[in-house]
């Protein structure tokens, strides 16, 4: 009798998990949400959007707000990586112009990390402000780009980071544009 009730519990658990956890409708709903968001005209680079939202957290998202949160967390992680590169470069002997350019980029990345990190909270309070604030991050990357160019600093990792700042800013702006 005990083994029969154990067997029924195991079968019930398997059925519950297969219907509620591994359900194709949940997975396809999240993928449909990602496709809808990334396919929107407000998103200038659809491929970047799909790539940025191709992770487990995005696939588990049930709303655009949750997707924005995932994207902004990814932006923060990438910006931290580039900031670490900048800090390491600043430790090496370099010209005063190079050091000044790196300090400029360091400030850009510190501000970008703070700004990307605030977007999700701000979104719940005022979508229009979140939209505006995230749109300012991309142009800030230009400050770093210009500083590096003026000092003739060739730093591919920072250049890639600047590219990411611009794309994530654009992505965040596009994702929050219709939430007002």
N, C-alpha and C. Protein backbone atom coordinates (compact mmCIF):
# COMPACT_ATOMS: atom_id res chain seq x y z
N UNK A 1 0.82 -1.20 0.00
CA UNK A 1 0.00 0.00 0.00
C UNK A 1 0.87 1.26 0.00
N UNK A 2 1.93 1.27 0.80
CA UNK A 2 2.80 2.43 0.87
C UNK A 2 3.50 2.64 -0.47
N UNK A 3 3.91 1.56 -1.11
CA UNK A 3 4.59 1.72 -2.39
C UNK A 3 3.64 2.23 -3.47
N UNK A 4 2.36 1.86 -3.37
CA UNK A 4 1.38 2.35 -4.35
C UNK A 4 1.16 3.86 -4.17
N UNK A 5 1.06 4.34 -2.94
CA UNK A 5 0.87 5.77 -2.72
C UNK A 5 2.15 6.54 -3.10
N UNK A 6 3.31 5.94 -2.88
CA UNK A 6 4.57 6.57 -3.30
C UNK A 6 4.61 6.67 -4.82
N UNK A 7 4.20 5.62 -5.49
CA UNK A 7 4.16 5.61 -6.96
C UNK A 7 3.21 6.70 -7.49
N UNK A 8 2.07 6.85 -6.87
CA UNK A 8 1.10 7.87 -7.28
C UNK A 8 1.70 9.27 -7.05
N UNK A 9 2.37 9.47 -5.93
CA UNK A 9 3.01 10.77 -5.66
C UNK A 9 4.09 11.08 -6.69
N UNK A 10 4.88 10.09 -7.07
CA UNK A 10 5.93 10.30 -8.07
C UNK A 10 5.30 10.66 -9.41
N UNK A 11 4.26 9.93 -9.81
CA UNK A 11 3.58 10.21 -11.08
C UNK A 11 2.97 11.61 -11.05
N UNK A 12 2.32 11.95 -9.95
CA UNK A 12 1.72 13.28 -9.82
C UNK A 12 2.80 14.37 -9.93
N UNK A 13 3.92 14.17 -9.25
CA UNK A 13 5.01 15.15 -9.30
C UNK A 13 5.55 15.31 -10.71
N UNK A 14 5.75 14.22 -11.42
CA UNK A 14 6.24 14.27 -12.80
C UNK A 14 5.24 15.00 -13.69
N UNK A 15 3.97 14.69 -13.54
CA UNK A 15 2.95 15.38 -14.34
C UNK A 15 2.91 16.87 -14.02
N UNK A 16 2.97 17.20 -12.74
CA UNK A 16 2.95 18.61 -12.33
C UNK A 16 4.12 19.36 -12.94
N UNK A 17 5.32 18.80 -12.82
CA UNK A 17 6.50 19.46 -13.36
C UNK A 17 6.43 19.59 -14.87
N UNK A 18 5.98 18.54 -15.54
CA UNK A 18 5.94 18.61 -17.00
C UNK A 18 4.92 19.63 -17.49
N UNK A 19 3.84 19.80 -16.77
CA UNK A 19 2.82 20.76 -17.19
C UNK A 19 3.19 22.19 -16.77
N UNK A 20 3.71 22.36 -15.57
CA UNK A 20 3.93 23.69 -15.04
C UNK A 20 5.34 24.25 -15.22
N UNK A 21 6.34 23.41 -15.22
CA UNK A 21 7.70 23.91 -15.29
C UNK A 21 8.27 23.79 -16.70
N UNK A 22 8.06 22.63 -17.30
CA UNK A 22 8.66 22.39 -18.61
C UNK A 22 7.67 22.61 -19.74
N UNK A 23 6.65 23.35 -19.47
CA UNK A 23 5.60 23.58 -20.45
C UNK A 23 6.12 24.37 -21.66
N UNK A 24 5.88 23.87 -22.88
CA UNK A 24 6.31 24.61 -24.07
C UNK A 24 5.61 25.97 -24.17
N UNK A 25 4.41 26.08 -23.62
CA UNK A 25 3.71 27.36 -23.72
C UNK A 25 4.43 28.44 -22.92
N UNK A 26 5.04 28.08 -21.79
CA UNK A 26 5.80 29.07 -21.02
C UNK A 26 7.03 29.50 -21.80
N UNK A 27 7.76 28.55 -22.34
CA UNK A 27 8.96 28.87 -23.09
C UNK A 27 8.60 29.68 -24.33
N UNK A 28 7.60 29.25 -25.05
CA UNK A 28 7.24 29.97 -26.28
C UNK A 28 6.67 31.35 -25.97
N UNK A 29 6.00 31.50 -24.83
CA UNK A 29 5.47 32.82 -24.47
C UNK A 29 6.63 33.79 -24.23
N UNK A 30 7.65 33.36 -23.54
CA UNK A 30 8.81 34.22 -23.29
C UNK A 30 9.54 34.53 -24.58
N UNK A 31 9.72 33.52 -25.42
CA UNK A 31 10.39 33.74 -26.70
C UNK A 31 9.55 34.65 -27.59
N UNK A 32 8.24 34.52 -27.50
CA UNK A 32 7.35 35.40 -28.27
C UNK A 32 7.46 36.84 -27.77
N UNK A 33 7.57 37.01 -26.46
CA UNK A 33 7.74 38.35 -25.89
C UNK A 33 9.06 38.96 -26.35
N UNK A 34 10.13 38.17 -26.31
CA UNK A 34 11.44 38.65 -26.77
C UNK A 34 11.37 39.03 -28.24
N UNK A 35 10.76 38.17 -29.06
CA UNK A 35 10.65 38.45 -30.49
C UNK A 35 9.83 39.71 -30.74
N UNK A 36 8.77 39.89 -29.96
CA UNK A 36 7.93 41.08 -30.12
C UNK A 36 8.72 42.34 -29.75
N UNK A 37 9.42 42.30 -28.64
CA UNK A 37 10.18 43.46 -28.19
C UNK A 37 11.30 43.77 -29.19
N UNK A 38 12.06 42.75 -29.57
CA UNK A 38 13.20 42.96 -30.47
C UNK A 38 12.75 43.31 -31.89
N UNK A 39 11.57 42.93 -32.26
CA UNK A 39 11.06 43.23 -33.60
C UNK A 39 10.40 44.59 -33.70
N UNK A 40 10.25 45.28 -32.58
CA UNK A 40 9.59 46.58 -32.57
C UNK A 40 10.42 47.61 -33.33
N UNK A 41 9.75 48.53 -33.98
CA UNK A 41 10.43 49.58 -34.74
C UNK A 41 11.28 50.48 -33.85
N UNK A 42 10.97 50.55 -32.56
CA UNK A 42 11.74 51.40 -31.64
C UNK A 42 13.11 50.80 -31.33
N UNK A 43 13.33 49.54 -31.68
CA UNK A 43 14.61 48.88 -31.46
C UNK A 43 15.42 48.97 -32.75
N UNK A 44 16.48 49.77 -32.76
CA UNK A 44 17.22 49.99 -34.00
C UNK A 44 18.05 48.79 -34.47
N UNK A 45 18.53 47.96 -33.56
CA UNK A 45 19.36 46.82 -33.94
C UNK A 45 18.71 45.54 -33.41
N UNK A 46 17.89 44.93 -34.25
CA UNK A 46 17.13 43.75 -33.84
C UNK A 46 18.05 42.57 -33.48
N UNK A 47 19.14 42.40 -34.23
CA UNK A 47 20.05 41.29 -33.95
C UNK A 47 20.73 41.45 -32.59
N UNK A 48 21.16 42.67 -32.27
CA UNK A 48 21.78 42.91 -30.96
C UNK A 48 20.77 42.62 -29.85
N UNK A 49 19.54 43.04 -30.05
CA UNK A 49 18.49 42.82 -29.06
C UNK A 49 18.31 41.31 -28.81
N UNK A 50 18.20 40.55 -29.89
CA UNK A 50 18.01 39.10 -29.75
C UNK A 50 19.21 38.47 -29.04
N UNK A 51 20.40 38.93 -29.38
CA UNK A 51 21.61 38.39 -28.74
C UNK A 51 21.64 38.77 -27.26
N UNK A 52 21.34 40.02 -26.94
CA UNK A 52 21.37 40.48 -25.56
C UNK A 52 20.32 39.78 -24.70
N UNK A 53 19.24 39.37 -25.32
CA UNK A 53 18.15 38.72 -24.56
C UNK A 53 18.11 37.21 -24.81
N UNK A 54 19.26 36.64 -25.12
CA UNK A 54 19.31 35.19 -25.35
C UNK A 54 19.97 34.51 -24.15
N UNK A 55 19.31 34.62 -23.02
CA UNK A 55 19.82 33.98 -21.81
C UNK A 55 18.64 33.47 -20.98
N UNK A 56 18.95 32.71 -19.97
CA UNK A 56 17.90 32.08 -19.15
C UNK A 56 17.00 33.11 -18.47
N UNK A 57 17.58 34.21 -18.00
CA UNK A 57 16.77 35.23 -17.32
C UNK A 57 15.77 35.85 -18.28
N UNK A 58 16.19 36.15 -19.49
CA UNK A 58 15.28 36.73 -20.48
C UNK A 58 14.21 35.72 -20.87
N UNK A 59 14.60 34.47 -21.00
CA UNK A 59 13.62 33.45 -21.37
C UNK A 59 12.59 33.22 -20.27
N UNK A 60 12.92 33.59 -19.05
CA UNK A 60 11.97 33.43 -17.94
C UNK A 60 11.10 34.67 -17.74
N UNK A 61 11.42 35.74 -18.45
CA UNK A 61 10.67 37.00 -18.27
C UNK A 61 9.23 36.86 -18.73
N UNK A 62 8.36 37.50 -17.98
CA UNK A 62 6.93 37.44 -18.30
C UNK A 62 6.38 38.81 -18.73
N UNK A 63 7.25 39.83 -18.70
CA UNK A 63 6.79 41.17 -19.08
C UNK A 63 7.95 41.95 -19.68
N UNK A 64 7.60 43.04 -20.32
CA UNK A 64 8.62 43.93 -20.89
C UNK A 64 9.47 44.51 -19.76
N UNK A 65 8.86 44.85 -18.64
CA UNK A 65 9.62 45.38 -17.50
C UNK A 65 10.71 44.40 -17.08
N UNK A 66 10.38 43.12 -17.04
CA UNK A 66 11.37 42.11 -16.66
C UNK A 66 12.46 42.00 -17.72
N UNK A 67 12.10 42.14 -18.98
CA UNK A 67 13.12 42.12 -20.04
C UNK A 67 14.03 43.34 -19.95
N UNK A 68 13.48 44.49 -19.64
CA UNK A 68 14.30 45.69 -19.45
C UNK A 68 15.29 45.43 -18.32
N UNK A 69 14.81 44.85 -17.23
CA UNK A 69 15.67 44.55 -16.09
C UNK A 69 16.82 43.63 -16.50
N UNK A 70 16.52 42.60 -17.27
CA UNK A 70 17.54 41.66 -17.75
C UNK A 70 18.56 42.40 -18.61
N UNK A 71 18.08 43.21 -19.54
CA UNK A 71 18.98 43.94 -20.44
C UNK A 71 19.87 44.91 -19.67
N UNK A 72 19.30 45.60 -18.70
CA UNK A 72 20.08 46.57 -17.94
C UNK A 72 21.12 45.87 -17.06
N UNK A 73 20.79 44.71 -16.53
CA UNK A 73 21.77 43.95 -15.74
C UNK A 73 22.91 43.47 -16.63
N UNK A 74 22.59 43.07 -17.84
CA UNK A 74 23.62 42.67 -18.80
C UNK A 74 24.50 43.87 -19.15
N UNK A 75 23.88 45.03 -19.32
CA UNK A 75 24.63 46.26 -19.61
C UNK A 75 25.59 46.59 -18.47
N UNK A 76 25.12 46.47 -17.25
CA UNK A 76 25.96 46.74 -16.08
C UNK A 76 27.15 45.77 -16.06
N UNK A 77 26.89 44.49 -16.32
CA UNK A 77 27.97 43.50 -16.30
C UNK A 77 29.03 43.81 -17.36
N UNK A 78 28.59 44.15 -18.56
CA UNK A 78 29.54 44.48 -19.63
C UNK A 78 30.31 45.76 -19.30
N UNK A 79 29.62 46.74 -18.75
CA UNK A 79 30.29 47.99 -18.38
C UNK A 79 31.31 47.76 -17.27
N UNK A 80 30.99 46.88 -16.32
CA UNK A 80 31.95 46.55 -15.26
C UNK A 80 33.20 45.91 -15.85
N UNK A 81 33.01 45.03 -16.81
CA UNK A 81 34.14 44.37 -17.46
C UNK A 81 35.06 45.40 -18.11
N UNK A 82 34.47 46.35 -18.83
CA UNK A 82 35.27 47.38 -19.49
C UNK A 82 35.92 48.31 -18.46
N UNK A 83 35.20 48.64 -17.41
CA UNK A 83 35.77 49.48 -16.36
C UNK A 83 37.01 48.80 -15.75
N UNK A 84 36.94 47.50 -15.56
CA UNK A 84 38.09 46.77 -15.03
C UNK A 84 39.29 46.86 -15.98
N UNK A 85 39.04 46.80 -17.28
CA UNK A 85 40.10 46.95 -18.28
C UNK A 85 40.74 48.33 -18.15
N UNK A 86 39.88 49.34 -18.02
CA UNK A 86 40.37 50.72 -17.89
C UNK A 86 41.24 50.87 -16.65
N UNK A 87 40.77 50.35 -15.54
CA UNK A 87 41.51 50.45 -14.28
C UNK A 87 42.87 49.75 -14.40
N UNK A 88 42.90 48.59 -15.03
CA UNK A 88 44.17 47.88 -15.22
C UNK A 88 45.11 48.68 -16.12
N UNK A 89 44.57 49.29 -17.16
CA UNK A 89 45.40 50.11 -18.06
C UNK A 89 45.97 51.32 -17.32
N UNK A 90 45.20 51.87 -16.40
CA UNK A 90 45.66 53.04 -15.65
C UNK A 90 46.82 52.70 -14.72
N UNK A 91 46.98 51.44 -14.35
CA UNK A 91 48.06 51.02 -13.47
C UNK A 91 49.39 50.92 -14.20
N UNK A 92 49.34 50.85 -15.52
CA UNK A 92 50.56 50.70 -16.32
C UNK A 92 51.13 52.08 -16.64
N UNK A 93 52.44 52.14 -16.78
CA UNK A 93 53.05 53.42 -17.14
C UNK A 93 52.50 53.91 -18.49
N UNK A 94 52.13 55.17 -18.52
CA UNK A 94 51.59 55.74 -19.75
C UNK A 94 51.80 57.25 -19.74
N UNK A 95 51.56 57.84 -20.89
CA UNK A 95 51.72 59.30 -21.02
C UNK A 95 50.62 60.01 -20.23
N UNK A 96 50.86 61.26 -19.91
CA UNK A 96 49.81 62.03 -19.22
C UNK A 96 48.51 62.12 -20.05
N UNK A 97 48.64 62.23 -21.37
CA UNK A 97 47.45 62.31 -22.22
C UNK A 97 46.66 61.01 -22.17
N UNK A 98 47.37 59.89 -22.20
CA UNK A 98 46.71 58.58 -22.11
C UNK A 98 46.02 58.43 -20.77
N UNK A 99 46.71 58.79 -19.70
CA UNK A 99 46.13 58.69 -18.36
C UNK A 99 44.89 59.56 -18.23
N UNK A 100 44.93 60.76 -18.80
CA UNK A 100 43.77 61.66 -18.77
C UNK A 100 42.60 61.06 -19.54
N UNK A 101 42.87 60.47 -20.71
CA UNK A 101 41.81 59.82 -21.51
C UNK A 101 41.20 58.65 -20.74
N UNK A 102 42.05 57.87 -20.10
CA UNK A 102 41.55 56.73 -19.32
C UNK A 102 40.72 57.19 -18.13
N UNK A 103 41.12 58.28 -17.48
CA UNK A 103 40.33 58.83 -16.37
C UNK A 103 38.95 59.28 -16.88
N UNK A 104 38.94 59.89 -18.06
CA UNK A 104 37.66 60.31 -18.66
C UNK A 104 36.78 59.09 -18.89
N UNK A 105 37.36 58.05 -19.47
CA UNK A 105 36.59 56.82 -19.73
C UNK A 105 36.13 56.16 -18.43
N UNK A 106 37.00 56.20 -17.42
CA UNK A 106 36.63 55.63 -16.12
C UNK A 106 35.39 56.33 -15.57
N UNK A 107 35.35 57.64 -15.67
CA UNK A 107 34.17 58.39 -15.20
C UNK A 107 32.93 58.04 -16.01
N UNK A 108 33.09 57.92 -17.33
CA UNK A 108 31.96 57.54 -18.18
C UNK A 108 31.40 56.20 -17.75
N UNK A 109 32.28 55.23 -17.52
CA UNK A 109 31.82 53.89 -17.16
C UNK A 109 31.22 53.83 -15.76
N UNK A 110 31.79 54.56 -14.83
CA UNK A 110 31.19 54.60 -13.48
C UNK A 110 29.78 55.18 -13.55
N UNK A 111 29.62 56.27 -14.29
CA UNK A 111 28.30 56.88 -14.45
C UNK A 111 27.34 55.96 -15.19
N UNK A 112 27.83 55.28 -16.21
CA UNK A 112 26.98 54.37 -16.99
C UNK A 112 26.49 53.21 -16.14
N UNK A 113 27.38 52.65 -15.34
CA UNK A 113 27.01 51.54 -14.45
C UNK A 113 25.91 52.01 -13.49
N UNK A 114 26.10 53.16 -12.92
CA UNK A 114 25.09 53.71 -11.99
C UNK A 114 23.77 53.94 -12.73
N UNK A 115 23.84 54.52 -13.92
CA UNK A 115 22.62 54.83 -14.67
C UNK A 115 21.89 53.57 -15.12
N UNK A 116 22.62 52.62 -15.71
CA UNK A 116 21.99 51.36 -16.12
C UNK A 116 21.35 50.67 -14.92
N UNK A 117 22.03 50.73 -13.79
CA UNK A 117 21.53 50.09 -12.58
C UNK A 117 20.25 50.71 -12.04
N UNK A 118 20.02 51.98 -12.33
CA UNK A 118 18.83 52.67 -11.81
C UNK A 118 17.60 52.53 -12.71
N UNK A 119 17.79 52.14 -13.95
CA UNK A 119 16.69 52.15 -14.92
C UNK A 119 15.52 51.29 -14.48
N UNK A 120 15.79 50.08 -14.01
CA UNK A 120 14.68 49.18 -13.63
C UNK A 120 13.84 49.77 -12.51
N UNK A 121 14.48 50.32 -11.49
CA UNK A 121 13.72 50.94 -10.39
C UNK A 121 12.96 52.16 -10.88
N UNK A 122 13.64 52.96 -11.69
CA UNK A 122 13.03 54.17 -12.21
C UNK A 122 11.83 53.84 -13.11
N UNK A 123 11.92 52.74 -13.81
CA UNK A 123 10.87 52.33 -14.73
C UNK A 123 9.55 52.11 -14.00
N UNK A 124 9.62 51.56 -12.80
CA UNK A 124 8.39 51.31 -12.05
C UNK A 124 7.77 52.60 -11.53
N UNK A 125 8.59 53.64 -11.40
CA UNK A 125 8.09 54.92 -10.90
C UNK A 125 7.67 55.87 -12.02
N UNK A 126 8.51 55.95 -13.05
CA UNK A 126 8.26 56.91 -14.12
C UNK A 126 8.95 56.44 -15.39
N UNK A 127 8.20 55.78 -16.25
CA UNK A 127 8.76 55.21 -17.48
C UNK A 127 9.38 56.28 -18.38
N UNK A 128 8.80 57.46 -18.40
CA UNK A 128 9.32 58.52 -19.26
C UNK A 128 10.72 58.95 -18.79
N UNK A 129 10.92 59.06 -17.50
CA UNK A 129 12.24 59.42 -16.97
C UNK A 129 13.25 58.31 -17.25
N UNK A 130 12.84 57.06 -17.08
CA UNK A 130 13.72 55.93 -17.37
C UNK A 130 14.13 55.95 -18.83
N UNK A 131 13.17 56.23 -19.70
CA UNK A 131 13.44 56.29 -21.13
C UNK A 131 14.45 57.39 -21.44
N UNK A 132 14.25 58.54 -20.86
CA UNK A 132 15.16 59.67 -21.08
C UNK A 132 16.56 59.36 -20.54
N UNK A 133 16.61 58.86 -19.31
CA UNK A 133 17.91 58.61 -18.67
C UNK A 133 18.73 57.56 -19.41
N UNK A 134 18.09 56.50 -19.85
CA UNK A 134 18.83 55.46 -20.56
C UNK A 134 19.32 55.97 -21.92
N UNK A 135 18.60 56.90 -22.50
CA UNK A 135 19.02 57.44 -23.80
C UNK A 135 20.27 58.30 -23.69
N UNK A 136 20.58 58.80 -22.50
CA UNK A 136 21.75 59.66 -22.30
C UNK A 136 23.06 58.88 -22.20
N UNK A 137 22.98 57.60 -21.95
CA UNK A 137 24.20 56.79 -21.75
C UNK A 137 24.98 56.64 -23.05
N UNK A 138 24.29 56.42 -24.15
CA UNK A 138 24.97 56.26 -25.44
C UNK A 138 25.82 57.46 -25.81
N UNK A 139 25.26 58.65 -25.76
CA UNK A 139 26.08 59.83 -26.05
C UNK A 139 27.25 60.01 -25.08
N UNK A 140 27.10 59.56 -23.83
CA UNK A 140 28.21 59.64 -22.89
C UNK A 140 29.40 58.79 -23.36
N UNK A 141 29.11 57.68 -24.04
CA UNK A 141 30.19 56.85 -24.58
C UNK A 141 31.03 57.63 -25.57
N UNK A 142 30.41 58.59 -26.25
CA UNK A 142 31.15 59.43 -27.20
C UNK A 142 32.25 60.23 -26.49
N UNK A 143 32.02 60.59 -25.25
CA UNK A 143 33.03 61.31 -24.47
C UNK A 143 34.29 60.47 -24.34
N UNK A 144 34.12 59.20 -24.05
CA UNK A 144 35.25 58.28 -23.93
C UNK A 144 35.91 58.08 -25.29
N UNK A 145 35.11 57.88 -26.32
CA UNK A 145 35.64 57.67 -27.67
C UNK A 145 36.50 58.85 -28.09
N UNK A 146 36.01 60.06 -27.87
CA UNK A 146 36.75 61.27 -28.25
C UNK A 146 38.02 61.44 -27.42
N UNK A 147 37.95 61.13 -26.15
CA UNK A 147 39.13 61.25 -25.29
C UNK A 147 40.22 60.28 -25.73
N UNK A 148 39.83 59.06 -26.06
CA UNK A 148 40.81 58.07 -26.53
C UNK A 148 41.43 58.51 -27.86
N UNK A 149 40.59 59.02 -28.74
CA UNK A 149 41.08 59.47 -30.05
C UNK A 149 42.03 60.65 -29.90
N UNK A 150 41.70 61.60 -29.05
CA UNK A 150 42.54 62.78 -28.85
C UNK A 150 43.91 62.41 -28.30
N UNK A 151 43.96 61.37 -27.49
CA UNK A 151 45.22 60.93 -26.90
C UNK A 151 45.90 59.84 -27.74
N UNK A 152 45.30 59.51 -28.87
CA UNK A 152 45.81 58.45 -29.76
C UNK A 152 45.99 57.12 -29.04
N UNK A 153 44.99 56.78 -28.23
CA UNK A 153 45.02 55.52 -27.49
C UNK A 153 44.28 54.47 -28.31
N UNK A 154 44.97 53.38 -28.60
CA UNK A 154 44.36 52.27 -29.30
C UNK A 154 44.04 51.20 -28.26
N UNK A 155 42.77 51.07 -27.91
CA UNK A 155 42.34 50.12 -26.89
C UNK A 155 41.08 49.41 -27.38
N UNK A 156 41.27 48.30 -28.11
CA UNK A 156 40.12 47.59 -28.69
C UNK A 156 39.07 47.16 -27.66
N UNK A 157 39.51 46.76 -26.47
CA UNK A 157 38.54 46.32 -25.46
C UNK A 157 37.66 47.48 -25.00
N UNK A 158 38.26 48.66 -24.89
CA UNK A 158 37.46 49.83 -24.51
C UNK A 158 36.56 50.24 -25.68
N UNK A 159 37.08 50.15 -26.89
CA UNK A 159 36.25 50.47 -28.07
C UNK A 159 35.04 49.55 -28.13
N UNK A 160 35.24 48.26 -27.85
CA UNK A 160 34.10 47.32 -27.82
C UNK A 160 33.14 47.68 -26.69
N UNK A 161 33.69 48.08 -25.55
CA UNK A 161 32.85 48.50 -24.43
C UNK A 161 32.02 49.73 -24.78
N UNK A 162 32.64 50.68 -25.48
CA UNK A 162 31.90 51.87 -25.91
C UNK A 162 30.77 51.49 -26.86
N UNK A 163 31.06 50.57 -27.74
CA UNK A 163 30.04 50.06 -28.66
C UNK A 163 28.88 49.45 -27.88
N UNK A 164 29.22 48.63 -26.86
CA UNK A 164 28.18 48.02 -26.03
C UNK A 164 27.36 49.07 -25.28
N UNK A 165 28.04 50.10 -24.74
CA UNK A 165 27.30 51.17 -24.04
C UNK A 165 26.27 51.79 -24.98
N UNK A 166 26.71 52.08 -26.20
CA UNK A 166 25.80 52.71 -27.16
C UNK A 166 24.64 51.78 -27.51
N UNK A 167 24.94 50.51 -27.75
CA UNK A 167 23.87 49.57 -28.10
C UNK A 167 22.90 49.33 -26.95
N UNK A 168 23.42 49.15 -25.74
CA UNK A 168 22.52 48.92 -24.61
C UNK A 168 21.70 50.17 -24.30
N UNK A 169 22.28 51.33 -24.48
CA UNK A 169 21.53 52.57 -24.31
C UNK A 169 20.39 52.63 -25.32
N UNK A 170 20.71 52.32 -26.55
CA UNK A 170 19.71 52.32 -27.62
C UNK A 170 18.64 51.26 -27.37
N UNK A 171 19.07 50.09 -26.92
CA UNK A 171 18.13 49.01 -26.62
C UNK A 171 17.21 49.41 -25.47
N UNK A 172 17.78 49.94 -24.40
CA UNK A 172 16.96 50.37 -23.26
C UNK A 172 15.99 51.47 -23.65
N UNK A 173 16.47 52.40 -24.47
CA UNK A 173 15.61 53.49 -24.93
C UNK A 173 14.45 52.93 -25.76
N UNK A 174 14.76 52.02 -26.67
CA UNK A 174 13.71 51.44 -27.49
C UNK A 174 12.71 50.61 -26.69
N UNK A 175 13.22 49.86 -25.70
CA UNK A 175 12.34 49.01 -24.90
C UNK A 175 11.42 49.84 -24.01
N UNK A 176 11.89 50.98 -23.54
CA UNK A 176 11.08 51.78 -22.62
C UNK A 176 10.24 52.84 -23.36
N UNK A 177 10.47 53.02 -24.65
CA UNK A 177 9.82 54.10 -25.40
C UNK A 177 8.30 54.03 -25.37
N UNK A 178 7.73 52.85 -25.43
CA UNK A 178 6.28 52.73 -25.52
C UNK A 178 5.63 52.38 -24.18
N UNK A 179 6.40 52.53 -23.13
CA UNK A 179 5.87 52.18 -21.81
C UNK A 179 5.26 53.38 -21.10
N UNK A 180 5.32 54.54 -21.71
CA UNK A 180 4.81 55.76 -21.06
C UNK A 180 3.30 55.74 -20.93
